[in-house]
């Protein structure tokens, strides 16, 4: 793994680094994690703020305090902490691999959502846009999503841990296909 800038002085996240070259070899995230503002995305521009408003139906200031990319974007596995209130949503979409890092025998990047607290509704979709059903995640439930999905936070303080295949592409447009847009174009 390559070296990346890790926040210092954290109470609930510990990066284990090799003394030889300072590379991160493990990350321990404790259950009481609340240090969202120490991690990306930092959302410095109005364009980034507008994207957050449109894509997730949340206030960008709130999103900054409630979303944390724990791993480096170039890693093959991404860990993201999400803490949202009711009404926070992610429209139906699926994740595509970076053309530089194609995945063998599968056109999508897989993702796991683990509910740590609260409740969230996960809509399950095929990549063609077919809705297959809803799952309500409660504490300690998880779902592996191989294709399309949407997320709706149902209770105040809902916390999801998102784990998905990386690396994370440069932009959201390169990362995912919006199913509403795809179906409308067909």
Foldseek 3Di string as FASTA:
>chain_A
DDDDDAFPDDDFKDFDADPVHRHTDDIGGHLVDQPQLRADPPQDDPVSQVCCCVFWVDGPVVQSRAKHFRDDLADFKTKMKGWDAFPTKGAKKFWAAQPVDHDPPAGGKKKKKAWQAAKKKKFAAAQLGHTDDIDIHHHGDMDIHRTIIMMGGHHHGTMIIMMITDNHDPDVVNTIDRNVVNNVVD
